[in-house]
PDB file of N, CA and C in Angstrom:
ATOM      1  N   UNK A   1     100.904  90.301 114.444  1.00  0.00           N
ATOM      2  CA  UNK A   1      99.902  91.188 113.889  1.00  0.00           C
ATOM      3  C   UNK A   1      99.900  91.050 112.373  1.00  0.00           C
ATOM      4  N   UNK A   2      98.712  91.057 111.804  1.00  0.00           N
ATOM      5  CA  UNK A   2      98.605  90.986 110.356  1.00  0.00           C
ATOM      6  C   UNK A   2      98.928  92.342 109.757  1.00  0.00           C
ATOM      7  N   UNK A   3      98.897  92.416 108.471  1.00  0.00           N
ATOM      8  CA  UNK A   3      99.120  93.687 107.782  1.00  0.00           C
ATOM      9  C   UNK A   3      97.788  94.387 107.524  1.00  0.00           C
ATOM     10  N   UNK A   4      96.758  94.018 108.269  1.00  0.00           N
ATOM     11  CA  UNK A   4      95.429  94.593 108.089  1.00  0.00           C
ATOM     12  C   UNK A   4      95.039  95.423 109.308  1.00  0.00           C
ATOM     13  N   UNK A   5      94.062  96.263 109.104  1.00  0.00           N
ATOM     14  CA  UNK A   5      93.494  97.079 110.167  1.00  0.00           C
ATOM     15  C   UNK A   5      92.900  96.206 111.264  1.00  0.00           C
ATOM     16  N   UNK A   6      93.120  96.579 112.526  1.00  0.00           N
ATOM     17  CA  UNK A   6      92.462  95.938 113.653  1.00  0.00           C
ATOM     18  C   UNK A   6      91.868  97.038 114.520  1.00  0.00           C
ATOM     19  N   UNK A   7      90.842  96.687 115.292  1.00  0.00           N
ATOM     20  CA  UNK A   7      90.154  97.702 116.083  1.00  0.00           C
ATOM     21  C   UNK A   7      89.525  97.084 117.329  1.00  0.00           C
ATOM     22  N   UNK A   8      89.058  97.973 118.202  1.00  0.00           N
ATOM     23  CA  UNK A   8      88.353  97.558 119.419  1.00  0.00           C
ATOM     24  C   UNK A   8      87.415  98.686 119.836  1.00  0.00           C
ATOM     25  N   UNK A   9      86.281  98.315 120.374  1.00  0.00           N
ATOM     26  CA  UNK A   9      85.362  99.312 120.937  1.00  0.00           C
ATOM     27  C   UNK A   9      85.989  99.926 122.163  1.00  0.00           C
ATOM     28  N   UNK A  10      85.650 101.181 122.420  1.00  0.00           N
ATOM     29  CA  UNK A  10      86.082 101.861 123.634  1.00  0.00           C
ATOM     30  C   UNK A  10      84.890 102.639 124.156  1.00  0.00           C
ATOM     31  N   UNK A  11      84.887 102.966 125.443  1.00  0.00           N
ATOM     32  CA  UNK A  11      83.783 103.765 125.981  1.00  0.00           C
ATOM     33  C   UNK A  11      83.743 105.130 125.290  1.00  0.00           C
ATOM     34  N   UNK A  12      82.554 105.535 124.923  1.00  0.00           N
ATOM     35  CA  UNK A  12      82.379 106.824 124.271  1.00  0.00           C
ATOM     36  C   UNK A  12      82.209 107.918 125.310  1.00  0.00           C
ATOM     37  N   UNK A  13      82.626 109.104 124.966  1.00  0.00           N
ATOM     38  CA  UNK A  13      82.465 110.248 125.854  1.00  0.00           C
ATOM     39  C   UNK A  13      81.080 110.859 125.768  1.00  0.00           C
ATOM     40  N   UNK A  14      80.231 110.326 124.899  1.00  0.00           N
ATOM     41  CA  UNK A  14      78.893 110.874 124.680  1.00  0.00           C
ATOM     42  C   UNK A  14      77.906 109.746 124.424  1.00  0.00           C
ATOM     43  N   UNK A  15      76.683 109.940 124.891  1.00  0.00           N
ATOM     44  CA  UNK A  15      75.623 108.964 124.602  1.00  0.00           C
ATOM     45  C   UNK A  15      75.201 109.005 123.136  1.00  0.00           C
ATOM     46  N   UNK A  16      75.640 110.027 122.427  1.00  0.00           N
ATOM     47  CA  UNK A  16      75.247 110.217 121.035  1.00  0.00           C
ATOM     48  C   UNK A  16      76.270 109.682 120.035  1.00  0.00           C
ATOM     49  N   UNK A  17      77.318 109.018 120.538  1.00  0.00           N
ATOM     50  CA  UNK A  17      78.345 108.527 119.619  1.00  0.00           C
ATOM     51  C   UNK A  17      78.868 107.158 120.048  1.00  0.00           C
ATOM     52  N   UNK A  18      79.498 106.505 119.077  1.00  0.00           N
ATOM     53  CA  UNK A  18      80.226 105.271 119.323  1.00  0.00           C
ATOM     54  C   UNK A  18      81.709 105.601 119.243  1.00  0.00           C
ATOM     55  N   UNK A  19      82.531 104.776 119.869  1.00  0.00           N
ATOM     56  CA  UNK A  19      83.956 105.039 119.857  1.00  0.00           C
ATOM     57  C   UNK A  19      84.745 103.752 119.665  1.00  0.00           C
ATOM     58  N   UNK A  20      85.852 103.870 118.937  1.00  0.00           N
ATOM     59  CA  UNK A  20      86.750 102.753 118.688  1.00  0.00           C
ATOM     60  C   UNK A  20      88.196 103.226 118.755  1.00  0.00           C
ATOM     61  N   UNK A  21      89.075 102.281 119.015  1.00  0.00           N
ATOM     62  CA  UNK A  21      90.504 102.461 118.789  1.00  0.00           C
ATOM     63  C   UNK A  21      90.828 101.569 117.608  1.00  0.00           C
ATOM     64  N   UNK A  22      91.614 102.099 116.699  1.00  0.00           N
ATOM     65  CA  UNK A  22      92.012 101.278 115.565  1.00  0.00           C
ATOM     66  C   UNK A  22      93.488 101.430 115.291  1.00  0.00           C
ATOM     67  N   UNK A  23      94.053 100.351 114.787  1.00  0.00           N
ATOM     68  CA  UNK A  23      95.476 100.297 114.474  1.00  0.00           C
ATOM     69  C   UNK A  23      95.599  99.968 112.988  1.00  0.00           C
ATOM     70  N   UNK A  24      96.309 100.844 112.281  1.00  0.00           N
ATOM     71  CA  UNK A  24      96.484 100.676 110.846  1.00  0.00           C
ATOM     72  C   UNK A  24      97.969 100.562 110.525  1.00  0.00           C
ATOM     73  N   UNK A  25      98.398  99.427 109.984  1.00  0.00           N
ATOM     74  CA  UNK A  25      99.791  99.328 109.527  1.00  0.00           C
ATOM     75  C   UNK A  25      99.994 100.273 108.344  1.00  0.00           C
ATOM     76  N   UNK A  26     101.058 101.036 108.370  1.00  0.00           N
ATOM     77  CA  UNK A  26     101.363 101.981 107.302  1.00  0.00           C
ATOM     78  C   UNK A  26     102.343 101.366 106.314  1.00  0.00           C
ATOM     79  N   UNK A  27     102.339 101.835 105.074  1.00  0.00           N
ATOM     80  CA  UNK A  27     103.231 101.255 104.056  1.00  0.00           C
ATOM     81  C   UNK A  27     104.718 101.318 104.426  1.00  0.00           C
ATOM     82  N   UNK A  28     105.103 102.290 105.254  1.00  0.00           N
ATOM     83  CA  UNK A  28     106.517 102.424 105.602  1.00  0.00           C
ATOM     84  C   UNK A  28     106.931 101.571 106.800  1.00  0.00           C
ATOM     85  N   UNK A  29     106.016 100.711 107.296  1.00  0.00           N
ATOM     86  CA  UNK A  29     106.333  99.817 108.406  1.00  0.00           C
ATOM     87  C   UNK A  29     105.922 100.339 109.770  1.00  0.00           C
ATOM     88  N   UNK A  30     105.514 101.601 109.851  1.00  0.00           N
ATOM     89  CA  UNK A  30     105.033 102.155 111.121  1.00  0.00           C
ATOM     90  C   UNK A  30     103.553 101.815 111.294  1.00  0.00           C
ATOM     91  N   UNK A  31     102.978 102.232 112.433  1.00  0.00           N
ATOM     92  CA  UNK A  31     101.587 101.929 112.747  1.00  0.00           C
ATOM     93  C   UNK A  31     100.884 103.200 113.206  1.00  0.00           C
ATOM     94  N   UNK A  32      99.683 103.410 112.699  1.00  0.00           N
ATOM     95  CA  UNK A  32      98.844 104.535 113.115  1.00  0.00           C
ATOM     96  C   UNK A  32      97.853 104.004 114.134  1.00  0.00           C
ATOM     97  N   UNK A  33      97.861 104.591 115.328  1.00  0.00           N
ATOM     98  CA  UNK A  33      96.928 104.211 116.389  1.00  0.00           C
ATOM     99  C   UNK A  33      96.039 105.420 116.641  1.00  0.00           C
ATOM    100  N   UNK A  34      94.735 105.234 116.538  1.00  0.00           N
ATOM    101  CA  UNK A  34      93.814 106.349 116.713  1.00  0.00           C
ATOM    102  C   UNK A  34      92.592 105.919 117.510  1.00  0.00           C
ATOM    103  N   UNK A  35      92.061 106.855 118.292  1.00  0.00           N
ATOM    104  CA  UNK A  35      90.766 106.679 118.958  1.00  0.00           C
ATOM    105  C   UNK A  35      89.823 107.694 118.334  1.00  0.00           C
ATOM    106  N   UNK A  36      88.674 107.206 117.873  1.00  0.00           N
ATOM    107  CA  UNK A  36      87.711 108.084 117.221  1.00  0.00           C
ATOM    108  C   UNK A  36      86.334 107.925 117.849  1.00  0.00           C
ATOM    109  N   UNK A  37      85.521 108.950 117.661  1.00  0.00           N
ATOM    110  CA  UNK A  37      84.097 108.873 117.980  1.00  0.00           C
ATOM    111  C   UNK A  37      83.324 109.254 116.726  1.00  0.00           C
ATOM    112  N   UNK A  38      82.245 108.516 116.498  1.00  0.00           N
ATOM    113  CA  UNK A  38      81.395 108.723 115.332  1.00  0.00           C
ATOM    114  C   UNK A  38      79.962 108.868 115.828  1.00  0.00           C
ATOM    115  N   UNK A  39      79.211 109.862 115.334  1.00  0.00           N
ATOM    116  CA  UNK A  39      77.813 109.984 115.747  1.00  0.00           C
ATOM    117  C   UNK A  39      77.033 108.692 115.490  1.00  0.00           C
ATOM    118  N   UNK A  40      76.279 108.262 116.499  1.00  0.00           N
ATOM    119  CA  UNK A  40      75.501 107.025 116.391  1.00  0.00           C
ATOM    120  C   UNK A  40      74.573 107.040 115.193  1.00  0.00           C
ATOM    121  N   UNK A  41      73.961 108.192 114.915  1.00  0.00           N
ATOM    122  CA  UNK A  41      72.984 108.249 113.825  1.00  0.00           C
ATOM    123  C   UNK A  41      73.608 107.877 112.482  1.00  0.00           C
ATOM    124  N   UNK A  42      74.856 108.235 112.279  1.00  0.00           N
ATOM    125  CA  UNK A  42      75.522 107.878 111.020  1.00  0.00           C
ATOM    126  C   UNK A  42      75.770 106.381 110.939  1.00  0.00           C
ATOM    127  N   UNK A  43      76.243 105.787 112.023  1.00  0.00           N
ATOM    128  CA  UNK A  43      76.533 104.358 112.043  1.00  0.00           C
ATOM    129  C   UNK A  43      75.241 103.553 111.998  1.00  0.00           C
ATOM    130  N   UNK A  44      74.282 103.900 112.845  1.00  0.00           N
ATOM    131  CA  UNK A  44      73.032 103.135 112.926  1.00  0.00           C
ATOM    132  C   UNK A  44      72.221 103.175 111.639  1.00  0.00           C
ATOM    133  N   UNK A  45      72.325 104.293 110.917  1.00  0.00           N
ATOM    134  CA  UNK A  45      71.566 104.445 109.669  1.00  0.00           C
ATOM    135  C   UNK A  45      72.383 104.080 108.436  1.00  0.00           C
ATOM    136  N   UNK A  46      73.572 103.515 108.665  1.00  0.00           N
ATOM    137  CA  UNK A  46      74.449 103.069 107.590  1.00  0.00           C
ATOM    138  C   UNK A  46      74.699 104.176 106.563  1.00  0.00           C
ATOM    139  N   UNK A  47      74.921 105.395 107.078  1.00  0.00           N
ATOM    140  CA  UNK A  47      75.183 106.551 106.238  1.00  0.00           C
ATOM    141  C   UNK A  47      76.691 106.636 105.978  1.00  0.00           C
ATOM    142  N   UNK A  48      77.051 106.921 104.747  1.00  0.00           N
ATOM    143  CA  UNK A  48      78.464 107.136 104.441  1.00  0.00           C
ATOM    144  C   UNK A  48      78.926 108.384 105.169  1.00  0.00           C
ATOM    145  N   UNK A  49      80.081 108.296 105.791  1.00  0.00           N
ATOM    146  CA  UNK A  49      80.620 109.470 106.467  1.00  0.00           C
ATOM    147  C   UNK A  49      82.106 109.560 106.187  1.00  0.00           C
ATOM    148  N   UNK A  50      82.636 110.734 106.485  1.00  0.00           N
ATOM    149  CA  UNK A  50      84.013 111.044 106.139  1.00  0.00           C
ATOM    150  C   UNK A  50      84.765 111.487 107.377  1.00  0.00           C
ATOM    151  N   UNK A  51      86.050 111.720 107.215  1.00  0.00           N
ATOM    152  CA  UNK A  51      86.898 112.064 108.350  1.00  0.00           C
ATOM    153  C   UNK A  51      86.379 113.279 109.114  1.00  0.00           C
ATOM    154  N   UNK A  52      85.812 114.246 108.413  1.00  0.00           N
ATOM    155  CA  UNK A  52      85.301 115.430 109.103  1.00  0.00           C
ATOM    156  C   UNK A  52      84.064 115.140 109.961  1.00  0.00           C
ATOM    157  N   UNK A  53      83.431 113.982 109.767  1.00  0.00           N
ATOM    158  CA  UNK A  53      82.286 113.580 110.583  1.00  0.00           C
ATOM    159  C   UNK A  53      82.717 112.892 111.875  1.00  0.00           C
ATOM    160  N   UNK A  54      83.990 112.518 111.955  1.00  0.00           N
ATOM    161  CA  UNK A  54      84.521 111.821 113.129  1.00  0.00           C
ATOM    162  C   UNK A  54      85.277 112.802 114.015  1.00  0.00           C
ATOM    163  N   UNK A  55      85.310 112.491 115.284  1.00  0.00           N
ATOM    164  CA  UNK A  55      86.158 113.234 116.199  1.00  0.00           C
ATOM    165  C   UNK A  55      87.336 112.330 116.552  1.00  0.00           C
ATOM    166  N   UNK A  56      88.531 112.791 116.296  1.00  0.00           N
ATOM    167  CA  UNK A  56      89.727 112.025 116.639  1.00  0.00           C
ATOM    168  C   UNK A  56      90.176 112.460 118.023  1.00  0.00           C
ATOM    169  N   UNK A  57      90.079 111.545 118.969  1.00  0.00           N
ATOM    170  CA  UNK A  57      90.407 111.830 120.361  1.00  0.00           C
ATOM    171  C   UNK A  57      91.863 111.538 120.682  1.00  0.00           C
ATOM    172  N   UNK A  58      92.466 110.681 119.904  1.00  0.00           N
ATOM    173  CA  UNK A  58      93.853 110.262 120.145  1.00  0.00           C
ATOM    174  C   UNK A  58      94.446 109.865 118.810  1.00  0.00           C
ATOM    175  N   UNK A  59      95.671 110.262 118.563  1.00  0.00           N
ATOM    176  CA  UNK A  59      96.357 109.870 117.344  1.00  0.00           C
ATOM    177  C   UNK A  59      97.849 109.791 117.636  1.00  0.00           C
ATOM    178  N   UNK A  60      98.425 108.648 117.299  1.00  0.00           N
ATOM    179  CA  UNK A  60      99.857 108.459 117.502  1.00  0.00           C
ATOM    180  C   UNK A  60     100.375 107.527 116.410  1.00  0.00           C
ATOM    181  N   UNK A  61     101.508 107.897 115.842  1.00  0.00           N
ATOM    182  CA  UNK A  61     102.197 107.039 114.888  1.00  0.00           C
ATOM    183  C   UNK A  61     103.383 106.433 115.633  1.00  0.00           C
ATOM    184  N   UNK A  62     103.451 105.099 115.648  1.00  0.00           N
ATOM    185  CA  UNK A  62     104.562 104.433 116.333  1.00  0.00           C
ATOM    186  C   UNK A  62     105.446 103.753 115.294  1.00  0.00           C
ATOM    187  N   UNK A  63     106.724 103.671 115.632  1.00  0.00           N
ATOM    188  CA  UNK A  63     107.710 103.152 114.679  1.00  0.00           C
ATOM    189  C   UNK A  63     107.760 101.640 114.599  1.00  0.00           C
ATOM    190  N   UNK A  64     107.463 100.962 115.701  1.00  0.00           N
ATOM    191  CA  UNK A  64     107.621  99.513 115.747  1.00  0.00           C
ATOM    192  C   UNK A  64     106.393  98.842 116.342  1.00  0.00           C
ATOM    193  N   UNK A  65     106.170  97.610 115.973  1.00  0.00           N
ATOM    194  CA  UNK A  65     105.023  96.858 116.473  1.00  0.00           C
ATOM    195  C   UNK A  65     105.047  96.741 118.000  1.00  0.00           C
ATOM    196  N   UNK A  66     106.237  96.711 118.587  1.00  0.00           N
ATOM    197  CA  UNK A  66     106.361  96.614 120.034  1.00  0.00           C
ATOM    198  C   UNK A  66     105.833  97.840 120.770  1.00  0.00           C
ATOM    199  N   UNK A  67     105.616  98.923 120.061  1.00  0.00           N
ATOM    200  CA  UNK A  67     105.085 100.148 120.661  1.00  0.00           C
ATOM    201  C   UNK A  67     103.562 100.253 120.558  1.00  0.00           C
ATOM    202  N   UNK A  68     102.941  99.367 119.803  1.00  0.00           N
ATOM    203  CA  UNK A  68     101.505  99.441 119.567  1.00  0.00           C
ATOM    204  C   UNK A  68     100.709  99.252 120.855  1.00  0.00           C
ATOM    205  N   UNK A  69     101.035  98.256 121.663  1.00  0.00           N
ATOM    206  CA  UNK A  69     100.268  97.987 122.885  1.00  0.00           C
ATOM    207  C   UNK A  69     100.215  99.204 123.803  1.00  0.00           C
ATOM    208  N   UNK A  70     101.348  99.869 124.005  1.00  0.00           N
ATOM    209  CA  UNK A  70     101.373 101.045 124.879  1.00  0.00           C
ATOM    210  C   UNK A  70     100.501 102.159 124.312  1.00  0.00           C
ATOM    211  N   UNK A  71     100.540 102.353 123.005  1.00  0.00           N
ATOM    212  CA  UNK A  71      99.714 103.392 122.384  1.00  0.00           C
ATOM    213  C   UNK A  71      98.224 103.053 122.494  1.00  0.00           C
ATOM    214  N   UNK A  72      97.881 101.791 122.321  1.00  0.00           N
ATOM    215  CA  UNK A  72      96.479 101.365 122.441  1.00  0.00           C
ATOM    216  C   UNK A  72      95.988 101.590 123.877  1.00  0.00           C
ATOM    217  N   UNK A  73      96.827 101.274 124.856  1.00  0.00           N
ATOM    218  CA  UNK A  73      96.468 101.543 126.258  1.00  0.00           C
ATOM    219  C   UNK A  73      96.269 103.029 126.495  1.00  0.00           C
ATOM    220  N   UNK A  74      97.150 103.863 125.945  1.00  0.00           N
ATOM    221  CA  UNK A  74      96.999 105.316 126.068  1.00  0.00           C
ATOM    222  C   UNK A  74      95.683 105.788 125.454  1.00  0.00           C
ATOM    223  N   UNK A  75      95.252 105.112 124.407  1.00  0.00           N
ATOM    224  CA  UNK A  75      94.015 105.476 123.717  1.00  0.00           C
ATOM    225  C   UNK A  75      92.766 104.975 124.444  1.00  0.00           C
ATOM    226  N   UNK A  76      92.949 104.147 125.470  1.00  0.00           N
ATOM    227  CA  UNK A  76      91.823 103.740 126.289  1.00  0.00           C
ATOM    228  C   UNK A  76      91.292 102.345 126.106  1.00  0.00           C
ATOM    229  N   UNK A  77      92.087 101.452 125.523  1.00  0.00           N
ATOM    230  CA  UNK A  77      91.624 100.083 125.277  1.00  0.00           C
ATOM    231  C   UNK A  77      92.706  99.089 125.678  1.00  0.00           C
ATOM    232  N   UNK A  78      92.284  97.956 126.197  1.00  0.00           N
ATOM    233  CA  UNK A  78      93.187  96.843 126.465  1.00  0.00           C
ATOM    234  C   UNK A  78      93.601  96.249 125.117  1.00  0.00           C
ATOM    235  N   UNK A  79      94.885  96.166 124.817  1.00  0.00           N
ATOM    236  CA  UNK A  79      95.318  95.621 123.530  1.00  0.00           C
ATOM    237  C   UNK A  79      94.789  94.215 123.245  1.00  0.00           C
ATOM    238  N   UNK A  80      94.475  93.451 124.270  1.00  0.00           N
ATOM    239  CA  UNK A  80      93.915  92.124 124.080  1.00  0.00           C
ATOM    240  C   UNK A  80      92.536  92.135 123.439  1.00  0.00           C
ATOM    241  N   UNK A  81      91.886  93.283 123.411  1.00  0.00           N
ATOM    242  CA  UNK A  81      90.563  93.398 122.791  1.00  0.00           C
ATOM    243  C   UNK A  81      90.623  93.667 121.292  1.00  0.00           C
ATOM    244  N   UNK A  82      91.799  93.994 120.772  1.00  0.00           N
ATOM    245  CA  UNK A  82      91.918  94.268 119.342  1.00  0.00           C
ATOM    246  C   UNK A  82      91.536  93.046 118.530  1.00  0.00           C
ATOM    247  N   UNK A  83      90.789  93.288 117.473  1.00  0.00           N
ATOM    248  CA  UNK A  83      90.281  92.189 116.649  1.00  0.00           C
ATOM    249  C   UNK A  83      90.015  92.728 115.243  1.00  0.00           C
ATOM    250  N   UNK A  84      89.581  91.844 114.372  1.00  0.00           N
ATOM    251  CA  UNK A  84      89.177  92.259 113.033  1.00  0.00           C
ATOM    252  C   UNK A  84      87.996  93.226 113.155  1.00  0.00           C
ATOM    253  N   UNK A  85      87.931  94.252 112.316  1.00  0.00           N
ATOM    254  CA  UNK A  85      86.893  95.280 112.440  1.00  0.00           C
ATOM    255  C   UNK A  85      85.462  94.748 112.436  1.00  0.00           C
ATOM    256  N   UNK A  86      85.186  93.697 111.679  1.00  0.00           N
ATOM    257  CA  UNK A  86      83.821  93.185 111.609  1.00  0.00           C
ATOM    258  C   UNK A  86      83.397  92.516 112.911  1.00  0.00           C
ATOM    259  N   UNK A  87      84.322  92.220 113.796  1.00  0.00           N
ATOM    260  CA  UNK A  87      83.973  91.617 115.082  1.00  0.00           C
ATOM    261  C   UNK A  87      83.579  92.640 116.151  1.00  0.00           C
ATOM    262  N   UNK A  88      83.773  93.933 115.860  1.00  0.00           N
ATOM    263  CA  UNK A  88      83.390  94.959 116.822  1.00  0.00           C
ATOM    264  C   UNK A  88      82.660  96.134 116.158  1.00  0.00           C
ATOM    265  N   UNK A  89      82.111  95.861 114.986  1.00  0.00           N
ATOM    266  CA  UNK A  89      81.279  96.819 114.251  1.00  0.00           C
ATOM    267  C   UNK A  89      82.001  98.108 113.872  1.00  0.00           C
ATOM    268  N   UNK A  90      83.321  98.045 113.731  1.00  0.00           N
ATOM    269  CA  UNK A  90      84.063  99.228 113.297  1.00  0.00           C
ATOM    270  C   UNK A  90      83.580  99.616 111.908  1.00  0.00           C
ATOM    271  N   UNK A  91      83.171 100.871 111.724  1.00  0.00           N
ATOM    272  CA  UNK A  91      82.597 101.278 110.425  1.00  0.00           C
ATOM    273  C   UNK A  91      83.689 101.516 109.376  1.00  0.00           C
ATOM    274  N   UNK A  92      83.831 100.576 108.493  1.00  0.00           N
ATOM    275  CA  UNK A  92      84.846 100.701 107.441  1.00  0.00           C
ATOM    276  C   UNK A  92      84.327 101.548 106.307  1.00  0.00           C
TER     277      UNK A  92
END
């Protein structure tokens, strides 16, 4: 795994939102794994949005890279789908 953010699309719980799982390496060597939903209108209209505009459905901080796959599965995505954010339209 690189030291950069990776993400994957996941099924959304609403027709009005998009959803992703993302993995962020933290400066202390741990990893933040989160599943979020973002209103489609914000993404489709390229509107700047903030954390309060997202719904965090899953959040887990894992200590080691070997724990990332299990956390990603818990969040609802096959770890093999993780990729660079621009390959799955993750809104940076």
